[in-house]
Amino acid sequence: MGKFMKLKKLPPLKLNSKDRTIIQDEFTKWICSSIRPFNLISDLGLKATLQTIFDICKKYQGSINIDDILVTPTTISNNVKKLAEYYRSLLRPILIEQAESGALVVCPDFWTDNHKKMNYLGLTVYFVTNGYELFTFDLCCTRFNEIDKTGVGALKVFLYAIREQLNLFGLLSYMDNNKITFTSDRGANTLKALKWYPVIYCFAHRINNHHHHQQKATKKLPHVCDSSSDSSSPEDDTIAPSPSKHGEANTVLSDLPPKPEEVLKTITTSKKLVKYVKLVSKVANTTKRFISL
């Protein structure tokens, strides 16, 4: 009786090109945002899982062939550039508007993959709108070539890499006119590369660095250093003032919107934290000296 009662299989539905492109873009964004290899899309386990999902969904929406949904790694690879340019076109007018008003901050980050001996540049931008909303975007994570991290040639390569990426968003002229502010962890190479541009030093790195030095102080009183990390402390002790592009303004605290008030509270809390760390460190050193007597 089973063969007579068996339902006839319907042919799988085919996606139209528009819907397939939407799915292809979603796969590309997933691969890029999770920093996954392109060939992950061909993983047999992923395919089996999705097929099970669609098999269950057949009783609700009909049958869809899994091969008509998944795209190849080559397709993902080729689609990265297309989607990147698409999102650049969306971001470009937004970032230009912020740069024109002097509200755009760029945070560059350089690092090296010691295993592959490759150098990378990451750029993140921050800005606050007229409604006091903070926005941040990752502009790039790109590879670049340089020979010596400490040489003059390397500094030019750092600067060229930054300029090359900002140019993709139409921001190069604003950088040249000092309409863009950079924020840095006080790394010597970054400071030298950006010495002709407005730079604000990261306050969070200051707190973290101070905490590290306080913990490592054992035989002498702790020395507060403004370096960004233990590995680059000899280079990061460069003292340079953070330039101010705007005049001072007097504002009553009660007149501030909620967002700026939150920023002030964060600064106040951070100052209290630094004072607490100093106090704890002094107490620890006093106890050690007393015990040694």
C-alpha atoms as a PDB file:
ATOM      1  CA  MET A   1       0.000   0.000   0.000  1.00  0.00           C
ATOM      2  CA  GLY A   2       2.902   2.317   0.664  1.00  0.00           C
ATOM      3  CA  LYS A   3       3.820   2.757  -2.987  1.00  0.00           C
ATOM      4  CA  PHE A   4       0.242   3.693  -3.814  1.00  0.00           C
ATOM      5  CA  MET A   5      -0.036   6.142  -0.920  1.00  0.00           C
ATOM      6  CA  LYS A   6       3.343   7.748  -1.566  1.00  0.00           C
ATOM      7  CA  LEU A   7       3.015  11.373  -2.559  1.00  0.00           C
ATOM      8  CA  LYS A   8       4.456  12.418  -5.851  1.00  0.00           C
ATOM      9  CA  LYS A   9       7.582  14.586  -5.474  1.00  0.00           C
ATOM     10  CA  LEU A  10       7.240  18.068  -6.831  1.00  0.00           C
ATOM     11  CA  PRO A  11      10.128  19.480  -8.865  1.00  0.00           C
ATOM     12  CA  PRO A  12      12.311  21.890  -6.837  1.00  0.00           C
ATOM     13  CA  LEU A  13      11.563  25.572  -7.160  1.00  0.00           C
ATOM     14  CA  LYS A  14      14.070  27.833  -8.885  1.00  0.00           C
ATOM     15  CA  LEU A  15      15.111  31.216  -7.530  1.00  0.00           C
ATOM     16  CA  ASN A  16      14.980  34.248  -9.745  1.00  0.00           C
ATOM     17  CA  SER A  17      18.216  36.164 -10.325  1.00  0.00           C
ATOM     18  CA  LYS A  18      17.239  39.045  -8.025  1.00  0.00           C
ATOM     19  CA  ASP A  19      16.584  36.809  -5.005  1.00  0.00           C
ATOM     20  CA  ARG A  20      19.721  34.775  -5.718  1.00  0.00           C
ATOM     21  CA  THR A  21      21.784  37.982  -5.729  1.00  0.00           C
ATOM     22  CA  ILE A  22      20.313  38.975  -2.354  1.00  0.00           C
ATOM     23  CA  ILE A  23      21.268  35.598  -0.867  1.00  0.00           C
ATOM     24  CA  GLN A  24      24.710  35.825  -2.465  1.00  0.00           C
ATOM     25  CA  ASP A  25      25.257  39.223  -0.833  1.00  0.00           C
ATOM     26  CA  GLU A  26      24.151  37.878   2.551  1.00  0.00           C
ATOM     27  CA  PHE A  27      26.627  35.008   2.303  1.00  0.00           C
ATOM     28  CA  THR A  28      29.385  37.463   1.399  1.00  0.00           C
ATOM     29  CA  LYS A  29      28.608  39.701   4.363  1.00  0.00           C
ATOM     30  CA  TRP A  30      28.569  36.683   6.673  1.00  0.00           C
ATOM     31  CA  ILE A  31      31.947  35.439   5.421  1.00  0.00           C
ATOM     32  CA  CYS A  32      33.547  38.907   5.719  1.00  0.00           C
ATOM     33  CA  SER A  33      32.053  39.966   9.061  1.00  0.00           C
ATOM     34  CA  SER A  34      33.010  36.645  10.698  1.00  0.00           C
ATOM     35  CA  ILE A  35      36.455  36.628   9.007  1.00  0.00           C
ATOM     36  CA  ARG A  36      35.867  33.134   7.622  1.00  0.00           C
ATOM     37  CA  PRO A  37      37.649  31.504   4.666  1.00  0.00           C
ATOM     38  CA  PHE A  38      35.794  31.719   1.373  1.00  0.00           C
ATOM     39  CA  ASN A  39      35.725  27.922   0.994  1.00  0.00           C
ATOM     40  CA  LEU A  40      33.652  27.635   4.185  1.00  0.00           C
ATOM     41  CA  ILE A  41      30.648  28.019   1.932  1.00  0.00           C
ATOM     42  CA  SER A  42      31.485  24.579   0.434  1.00  0.00           C
ATOM     43  CA  ASP A  43      31.607  22.819   3.817  1.00  0.00           C
ATOM     44  CA  LEU A  44      29.673  19.521   3.653  1.00  0.00           C
ATOM     45  CA  GLY A  45      28.353  19.920   7.189  1.00  0.00           C
ATOM     46  CA  LEU A  46      26.914  23.336   6.397  1.00  0.00           C
ATOM     47  CA  LYS A  47      25.303  21.980   3.254  1.00  0.00           C
ATOM     48  CA  ALA A  48      23.779  19.005   5.083  1.00  0.00           C
ATOM     49  CA  THR A  49      22.404  21.241   7.831  1.00  0.00           C
ATOM     50  CA  LEU A  50      20.812  23.652   5.396  1.00  0.00           C
ATOM     51  CA  GLN A  51      19.364  20.775   3.379  1.00  0.00           C
ATOM     52  CA  THR A  52      17.706  19.428   6.534  1.00  0.00           C
ATOM     53  CA  ILE A  53      16.238  22.858   7.209  1.00  0.00           C
ATOM     54  CA  PHE A  54      14.817  23.126   3.729  1.00  0.00           C
ATOM     55  CA  ASP A  55      13.478  19.556   3.860  1.00  0.00           C
ATOM     56  CA  ILE A  56      11.512  20.483   6.969  1.00  0.00           C
ATOM     57  CA  CYS A  57      10.316  23.686   5.332  1.00  0.00           C
ATOM     58  CA  LYS A  58       8.969  21.794   2.322  1.00  0.00           C
ATOM     59  CA  LYS A  59       5.700  21.058   4.080  1.00  0.00           C
ATOM     60  CA  TYR A  60       5.212  24.791   4.509  1.00  0.00           C
ATOM     61  CA  GLN A  61       6.766  26.485   1.477  1.00  0.00           C
ATOM     62  CA  GLY A  62       7.612  23.790  -1.072  1.00  0.00           C
ATOM     63  CA  SER A  63      10.944  22.341  -2.137  1.00  0.00           C
ATOM     64  CA  ILE A  64      14.024  24.453  -2.880  1.00  0.00           C
ATOM     65  CA  ASN A  65      17.187  22.838  -4.225  1.00  0.00           C
ATOM     66  CA  ILE A  66      20.105  23.641  -1.907  1.00  0.00           C
ATOM     67  CA  ASP A  67      22.476  23.929  -4.882  1.00  0.00           C
ATOM     68  CA  ASP A  68      20.357  26.775  -6.163  1.00  0.00           C
ATOM     69  CA  ILE A  69      20.998  28.737  -2.935  1.00  0.00           C
ATOM     70  CA  LEU A  70      24.652  28.121  -2.104  1.00  0.00           C
ATOM     71  CA  VAL A  71      27.305  29.986  -4.058  1.00  0.00           C
ATOM     72  CA  THR A  72      30.884  28.953  -4.786  1.00  0.00           C
ATOM     73  CA  PRO A  73      33.955  30.363  -2.982  1.00  0.00           C
ATOM     74  CA  THR A  74      34.983  31.994  -6.249  1.00  0.00           C
ATOM     75  CA  THR A  75      31.635  33.751  -6.373  1.00  0.00           C
ATOM     76  CA  ILE A  76      32.093  34.964  -2.791  1.00  0.00           C
ATOM     77  CA  SER A  77      35.642  36.099  -3.575  1.00  0.00           C
ATOM     78  CA  ASN A  78      34.520  38.009  -6.643  1.00  0.00           C
ATOM     79  CA  ASN A  79      31.535  39.425  -4.796  1.00  0.00           C
ATOM     80  CA  VAL A  80      33.668  40.920  -2.002  1.00  0.00           C
ATOM     81  CA  LYS A  81      35.006  43.690  -4.239  1.00  0.00           C
ATOM     82  CA  LYS A  82      31.556  44.461  -5.616  1.00  0.00           C
ATOM     83  CA  LEU A  83      29.965  44.707  -2.176  1.00  0.00           C
ATOM     84  CA  ALA A  84      32.925  46.668  -0.785  1.00  0.00           C
ATOM     85  CA  GLU A  85      32.562  49.292  -3.507  1.00  0.00           C
ATOM     86  CA  TYR A  86      28.797  49.361  -2.980  1.00  0.00           C
ATOM     87  CA  TYR A  87      29.166  50.085   0.736  1.00  0.00           C
ATOM     88  CA  ARG A  88      31.899  52.641   0.037  1.00  0.00           C
ATOM     89  CA  SER A  89      29.462  54.475  -2.223  1.00  0.00           C
ATOM     90  CA  LEU A  90      26.948  54.554   0.642  1.00  0.00           C
ATOM     91  CA  LEU A  91      29.505  55.691   3.229  1.00  0.00           C
ATOM     92  CA  ARG A  92      31.303  58.233   1.040  1.00  0.00           C
ATOM     93  CA  PRO A  93      28.745  61.107   1.282  1.00  0.00           C
ATOM     94  CA  ILE A  94      28.218  60.456   4.999  1.00  0.00           C
ATOM     95  CA  LEU A  95      31.932  60.602   5.815  1.00  0.00           C
ATOM     96  CA  ILE A  96      32.528  63.617   3.575  1.00  0.00           C
ATOM     97  CA  GLU A  97      29.756  65.512   5.367  1.00  0.00           C
ATOM     98  CA  GLN A  98      31.336  64.749   8.740  1.00  0.00           C
ATOM     99  CA  ALA A  99      34.822  65.661   7.491  1.00  0.00           C
ATOM    100  CA  GLU A 100      33.577  69.010   6.170  1.00  0.00           C
ATOM    101  CA  SER A 101      32.278  69.879   9.637  1.00  0.00           C
ATOM    102  CA  GLY A 102      35.518  68.697  11.282  1.00  0.00           C
ATOM    103  CA  ALA A 103      33.727  65.965  13.217  1.00  0.00           C
ATOM    104  CA  LEU A 104      35.439  62.923  11.678  1.00  0.00           C
ATOM    105  CA  VAL A 105      38.027  60.955  13.679  1.00  0.00           C
ATOM    106  CA  VAL A 106      40.152  58.204  12.112  1.00  0.00           C
ATOM    107  CA  CYS A 107      41.818  55.497  14.207  1.00  0.00           C
ATOM    108  CA  PRO A 108      44.636  53.697  12.323  1.00  0.00           C
ATOM    109  CA  ASP A 109      46.087  50.427  13.552  1.00  0.00           C
ATOM    110  CA  PHE A 110      49.194  48.657  12.202  1.00  0.00           C
ATOM    111  CA  TRP A 111      50.161  45.112  13.053  1.00  0.00           C
ATOM    112  CA  THR A 112      52.176  42.194  11.682  1.00  0.00           C
ATOM    113  CA  ASP A 113      51.270  38.552  11.271  1.00  0.00           C
ATOM    114  CA  ASN A 114      54.484  36.989  12.566  1.00  0.00           C
ATOM    115  CA  HIS A 115      53.586  33.604  11.100  1.00  0.00           C
ATOM    116  CA  LYS A 116      53.081  34.800   7.524  1.00  0.00           C
ATOM    117  CA  LYS A 117      55.284  37.903   7.930  1.00  0.00           C
ATOM    118  CA  MET A 118      52.538  40.079   6.494  1.00  0.00           C
ATOM    119  CA  ASN A 119      51.748  43.660   7.518  1.00  0.00           C
ATOM    120  CA  TYR A 120      48.227  44.946   7.902  1.00  0.00           C
ATOM    121  CA  LEU A 121      46.495  48.293   8.258  1.00  0.00           C
ATOM    122  CA  GLY A 122      43.091  48.733   9.852  1.00  0.00           C
ATOM    123  CA  LEU A 123      41.144  51.995   9.744  1.00  0.00           C
ATOM    124  CA  THR A 124      38.135  52.758  11.923  1.00  0.00           C
ATOM    125  CA  VAL A 125      36.234  56.048  11.827  1.00  0.00           C
ATOM    126  CA  TYR A 126      34.158  57.696  14.547  1.00  0.00           C
ATOM    127  CA  PHE A 127      31.855  60.687  14.533  1.00  0.00           C
ATOM    128  CA  VAL A 128      29.043  62.186  16.591  1.00  0.00           C
ATOM    129  CA  THR A 129      25.965  63.555  14.860  1.00  0.00           C
ATOM    130  CA  ASN A 130      24.065  66.733  15.687  1.00  0.00           C
ATOM    131  CA  GLY A 131      21.785  64.571  17.811  1.00  0.00           C
ATOM    132  CA  TYR A 132      24.795  63.471  19.908  1.00  0.00           C
ATOM    133  CA  GLU A 133      24.723  59.910  18.534  1.00  0.00           C
ATOM    134  CA  LEU A 134      28.065  58.116  18.235  1.00  0.00           C
ATOM    135  CA  PHE A 135      28.686  56.148  15.031  1.00  0.00           C
ATOM    136  CA  THR A 136      31.640  53.960  14.111  1.00  0.00           C
ATOM    137  CA  PHE A 137      32.581  52.180  10.875  1.00  0.00           C
ATOM    138  CA  ASP A 138      35.438  49.853   9.986  1.00  0.00           C
ATOM    139  CA  LEU A 139      36.764  51.232   6.704  1.00  0.00           C
ATOM    140  CA  CYS A 140      39.330  48.580   5.894  1.00  0.00           C
ATOM    141  CA  CYS A 141      41.597  45.771   6.975  1.00  0.00           C
ATOM    142  CA  THR A 142      44.166  45.677   4.204  1.00  0.00           C
ATOM    143  CA  ARG A 143      47.604  44.233   3.614  1.00  0.00           C
ATOM    144  CA  PHE A 144      50.571  46.424   2.728  1.00  0.00           C
ATOM    145  CA  ASN A 145      54.294  45.925   2.231  1.00  0.00           C
ATOM    146  CA  GLU A 146      57.087  47.540   4.233  1.00  0.00           C
ATOM    147  CA  ILE A 147      60.660  46.551   4.969  1.00  0.00           C
ATOM    148  CA  ASP A 148      61.645  48.174   8.253  1.00  0.00           C
ATOM    149  CA  LYS A 149      59.115  49.346  10.824  1.00  0.00           C
ATOM    150  CA  THR A 150      61.496  51.914  12.321  1.00  0.00           C
ATOM    151  CA  GLY A 151      63.086  53.362   9.179  1.00  0.00           C
ATOM    152  CA  VAL A 152      62.116  56.589   7.436  1.00  0.00           C
ATOM    153  CA  GLY A 153      60.964  54.598   4.424  1.00  0.00           C
ATOM    154  CA  ALA A 154      58.586  52.613   6.609  1.00  0.00           C
ATOM    155  CA  LEU A 155      56.974  55.808   7.923  1.00  0.00           C
ATOM    156  CA  LYS A 156      56.299  56.901   4.360  1.00  0.00           C
ATOM    157  CA  VAL A 157      54.745  53.513   3.649  1.00  0.00           C
ATOM    158  CA  PHE A 158      52.510  53.832   6.742  1.00  0.00           C
ATOM    159  CA  LEU A 159      51.355  57.263   5.666  1.00  0.00           C
ATOM    160  CA  TYR A 160      50.882  56.216   2.052  1.00  0.00           C
ATOM    161  CA  ALA A 161      48.765  53.226   3.129  1.00  0.00           C
ATOM    162  CA  ILE A 162      46.487  55.497   5.183  1.00  0.00           C
ATOM    163  CA  ARG A 163      46.166  58.041   2.380  1.00  0.00           C
ATOM    164  CA  GLU A 164      45.437  55.326  -0.173  1.00  0.00           C
ATOM    165  CA  GLN A 165      42.520  53.975   1.850  1.00  0.00           C
ATOM    166  CA  LEU A 166      41.069  57.392   2.717  1.00  0.00           C
ATOM    167  CA  ASN A 167      41.209  58.309  -0.953  1.00  0.00           C
ATOM    168  CA  LEU A 168      38.750  55.493  -1.698  1.00  0.00           C
ATOM    169  CA  PHE A 169      36.185  57.420   0.357  1.00  0.00           C
ATOM    170  CA  GLY A 170      37.016  60.843  -1.099  1.00  0.00           C
ATOM    171  CA  LEU A 171      38.638  61.990   2.160  1.00  0.00           C
ATOM    172  CA  LEU A 172      42.185  62.723   1.015  1.00  0.00           C
ATOM    173  CA  SER A 173      41.685  66.465   0.534  1.00  0.00           C
ATOM    174  CA  TYR A 174      40.172  66.751   4.017  1.00  0.00           C
ATOM    175  CA  MET A 175      43.187  64.969   5.480  1.00  0.00           C
ATOM    176  CA  ASP A 176      45.536  67.380   3.675  1.00  0.00           C
ATOM    177  CA  ASN A 177      43.574  70.365   5.013  1.00  0.00           C
ATOM    178  CA  ASN A 178      43.677  69.030   8.597  1.00  0.00           C
ATOM    179  CA  LYS A 179      39.907  68.589   8.657  1.00  0.00           C
ATOM    180  CA  ILE A 180      40.326  65.009   9.889  1.00  0.00           C
ATOM    181  CA  THR A 181      41.543  64.180  13.391  1.00  0.00           C
ATOM    182  CA  PHE A 182      43.457  60.989  14.124  1.00  0.00           C
ATOM    183  CA  THR A 183      43.467  59.079  17.380  1.00  0.00           C
ATOM    184  CA  SER A 184      46.456  56.966  18.365  1.00  0.00           C
ATOM    185  CA  ASP A 185      47.827  54.745  21.128  1.00  0.00           C
ATOM    186  CA  ARG A 186      51.073  56.811  21.154  1.00  0.00           C
ATOM    187  CA  GLY A 187      53.044  54.224  19.184  1.00  0.00           C
ATOM    188  CA  ALA A 188      56.238  55.924  17.998  1.00  0.00           C
ATOM    189  CA  ASN A 189      55.845  54.875  14.370  1.00  0.00           C
ATOM    190  CA  THR A 190      52.270  56.168  14.211  1.00  0.00           C
ATOM    191  CA  LEU A 191      53.226  59.456  15.891  1.00  0.00           C
ATOM    192  CA  LYS A 192      56.041  60.086  13.432  1.00  0.00           C
ATOM    193  CA  ALA A 193      53.915  59.186  10.416  1.00  0.00           C
ATOM    194  CA  LEU A 194      51.112  61.545  11.527  1.00  0.00           C
ATOM    195  CA  LYS A 195      53.208  64.343  13.033  1.00  0.00           C
ATOM    196  CA  TRP A 196      51.836  66.906  10.547  1.00  0.00           C
ATOM    197  CA  TYR A 197      48.212  66.057  11.302  1.00  0.00           C
ATOM    198  CA  PRO A 198      45.914  66.608  14.323  1.00  0.00           C
ATOM    199  CA  VAL A 199      46.258  63.650  16.704  1.00  0.00           C
ATOM    200  CA  ILE A 200      44.403  62.867  19.938  1.00  0.00           C
ATOM    201  CA  TYR A 201      45.858  60.159  22.162  1.00  0.00           C
ATOM    202  CA  CYS A 202      43.673  57.302  23.366  1.00  0.00           C
ATOM    203  CA  PHE A 203      42.720  57.790  27.019  1.00  0.00           C
ATOM    204  CA  ALA A 204      41.824  54.107  27.480  1.00  0.00           C
ATOM    205  CA  HIS A 205      45.397  53.140  26.536  1.00  0.00           C
ATOM    206  CA  ARG A 206      46.670  55.575  29.171  1.00  0.00           C
ATOM    207  CA  ILE A 207      44.611  53.892  31.901  1.00  0.00           C
ATOM    208  CA  ASN A 208      45.529  50.385  30.749  1.00  0.00           C
ATOM    209  CA  ASN A 209      49.219  51.260  30.470  1.00  0.00           C
ATOM    210  CA  HIS A 210      49.248  52.898  33.902  1.00  0.00           C
ATOM    211  CA  HIS A 211      47.619  49.818  35.415  1.00  0.00           C
ATOM    212  CA  HIS A 212      50.236  47.538  33.802  1.00  0.00           C
ATOM    213  CA  HIS A 213      53.128  49.595  35.149  1.00  0.00           C
ATOM    214  CA  GLN A 214      51.624  49.714  38.631  1.00  0.00           C
ATOM    215  CA  GLN A 215      51.289  45.929  38.699  1.00  0.00           C
ATOM    216  CA  LYS A 216      54.886  45.390  37.564  1.00  0.00           C
ATOM    217  CA  ALA A 217      56.367  47.748  40.144  1.00  0.00           C
ATOM    218  CA  THR A 218      57.997  45.534  42.809  1.00  0.00           C
ATOM    219  CA  LYS A 219      61.356  46.931  43.894  1.00  0.00           C
ATOM    220  CA  LYS A 220      60.776  50.649  43.484  1.00  0.00           C
ATOM    221  CA  LEU A 221      57.957  53.123  43.460  1.00  0.00           C
ATOM    222  CA  PRO A 222      55.876  52.820  40.304  1.00  0.00           C
ATOM    223  CA  HIS A 223      56.727  55.145  37.471  1.00  0.00           C
ATOM    224  CA  VAL A 224      53.831  56.410  35.381  1.00  0.00           C
ATOM    225  CA  CYS A 225      54.653  56.018  31.685  1.00  0.00           C
ATOM    226  CA  ASP A 226      52.570  57.190  28.756  1.00  0.00           C
ATOM    227  CA  SER A 227      53.535  54.329  26.460  1.00  0.00           C
ATOM    228  CA  SER A 228      50.805  52.260  24.835  1.00  0.00           C
ATOM    229  CA  SER A 229      52.133  48.742  25.481  1.00  0.00           C
ATOM    230  CA  ASP A 230      54.955  46.833  27.137  1.00  0.00           C
ATOM    231  CA  SER A 231      56.407  45.702  23.824  1.00  0.00           C
ATOM    232  CA  SER A 232      56.841  49.219  22.490  1.00  0.00           C
ATOM    233  CA  SER A 233      57.474  51.214  25.676  1.00  0.00           C
ATOM    234  CA  PRO A 234      60.913  52.597  24.625  1.00  0.00           C
ATOM    235  CA  GLU A 235      59.357  54.007  21.468  1.00  0.00           C
ATOM    236  CA  ASP A 236      56.084  55.180  22.921  1.00  0.00           C
ATOM    237  CA  ASP A 237      57.475  57.695  25.428  1.00  0.00           C
ATOM    238  CA  THR A 238      57.346  60.462  22.835  1.00  0.00           C
ATOM    239  CA  ILE A 239      55.726  63.519  24.368  1.00  0.00           C
ATOM    240  CA  ALA A 240      53.607  65.544  22.006  1.00  0.00           C
ATOM    241  CA  PRO A 241      50.653  67.801  22.777  1.00  0.00           C
ATOM    242  CA  SER A 242      47.242  67.028  21.371  1.00  0.00           C
ATOM    243  CA  PRO A 243      46.320  70.020  19.183  1.00  0.00           C
ATOM    244  CA  SER A 244      42.975  71.679  19.666  1.00  0.00           C
ATOM    245  CA  LYS A 245      41.101  72.982  16.647  1.00  0.00           C
ATOM    246  CA  HIS A 246      38.241  74.599  18.554  1.00  0.00           C
ATOM    247  CA  GLY A 247      38.044  77.441  21.024  1.00  0.00           C
ATOM    248  CA  GLU A 248      36.889  76.958  24.591  1.00  0.00           C
ATOM    249  CA  ALA A 249      33.180  77.188  25.292  1.00  0.00           C
ATOM    250  CA  ASN A 250      31.313  77.697  28.554  1.00  0.00           C
ATOM    251  CA  THR A 251      28.260  75.482  29.025  1.00  0.00           C
ATOM    252  CA  VAL A 252      26.166  74.906  32.124  1.00  0.00           C
ATOM    253  CA  LEU A 253      26.150  71.224  33.102  1.00  0.00           C
ATOM    254  CA  SER A 254      22.377  71.182  33.477  1.00  0.00           C
ATOM    255  CA  ASP A 255      22.002  72.354  29.854  1.00  0.00           C
ATOM    256  CA  LEU A 256      23.891  69.399  28.402  1.00  0.00           C
ATOM    257  CA  PRO A 257      21.996  66.697  26.468  1.00  0.00           C
ATOM    258  CA  PRO A 258      22.106  63.133  27.901  1.00  0.00           C
ATOM    259  CA  LYS A 259      24.902  61.854  25.623  1.00  0.00           C
ATOM    260  CA  PRO A 260      27.549  64.516  26.490  1.00  0.00           C
ATOM    261  CA  GLU A 261      26.606  64.126  30.144  1.00  0.00           C
ATOM    262  CA  GLU A 262      27.379  60.389  29.868  1.00  0.00           C
ATOM    263  CA  VAL A 263      30.798  61.231  28.404  1.00  0.00           C
ATOM    264  CA  LEU A 264      31.586  63.563  31.315  1.00  0.00           C
ATOM    265  CA  LYS A 265      30.516  60.901  33.808  1.00  0.00           C
ATOM    266  CA  THR A 266      32.811  58.395  32.080  1.00  0.00           C
ATOM    267  CA  ILE A 267      35.754  60.809  32.326  1.00  0.00           C
ATOM    268  CA  THR A 268      35.041  61.476  36.001  1.00  0.00           C
ATOM    269  CA  THR A 269      34.801  57.751  36.753  1.00  0.00           C
ATOM    270  CA  SER A 270      38.056  57.107  34.872  1.00  0.00           C
ATOM    271  CA  LYS A 271      39.863  59.745  36.940  1.00  0.00           C
ATOM    272  CA  LYS A 272      38.605  58.137  40.136  1.00  0.00           C
ATOM    273  CA  LEU A 273      39.822  54.759  38.866  1.00  0.00           C
ATOM    274  CA  VAL A 274      43.317  56.125  38.199  1.00  0.00           C
ATOM    275  CA  LYS A 275      43.479  57.673  41.682  1.00  0.00           C
ATOM    276  CA  TYR A 276      42.342  54.370  43.191  1.00  0.00           C
ATOM    277  CA  VAL A 277      45.019  52.404  41.284  1.00  0.00           C
ATOM    278  CA  LYS A 278      47.694  54.842  42.489  1.00  0.00           C
ATOM    279  CA  LEU A 279      46.471  54.561  46.082  1.00  0.00           C
ATOM    280  CA  VAL A 280      46.388  50.741  46.022  1.00  0.00           C
ATOM    281  CA  SER A 281      49.877  50.637  44.519  1.00  0.00           C
ATOM    282  CA  LYS A 282      51.305  52.928  47.198  1.00  0.00           C
ATOM    283  CA  VAL A 283      49.706  50.867  49.962  1.00  0.00           C
ATOM    284  CA  ALA A 284      51.170  47.673  48.474  1.00  0.00           C
ATOM    285  CA  ASN A 285      54.659  49.185  48.282  1.00  0.00           C
ATOM    286  CA  THR A 286      54.408  50.529  51.838  1.00  0.00           C
ATOM    287  CA  THR A 287      53.411  47.069  53.103  1.00  0.00           C
ATOM    288  CA  LYS A 288      56.357  45.432  51.330  1.00  0.00           C
ATOM    289  CA  ARG A 289      58.839  47.924  52.774  1.00  0.00           C
ATOM    290  CA  PHE A 290      57.361  47.468  56.275  1.00  0.00           C
ATOM    291  CA  ILE A 291      57.614  43.663  56.049  1.00  0.00           C
ATOM    292  CA  SER A 292      61.207  43.872  54.824  1.00  0.00           C
ATOM    293  CA  LEU A 293      62.176  45.803  57.977  1.00  0.00           C
END
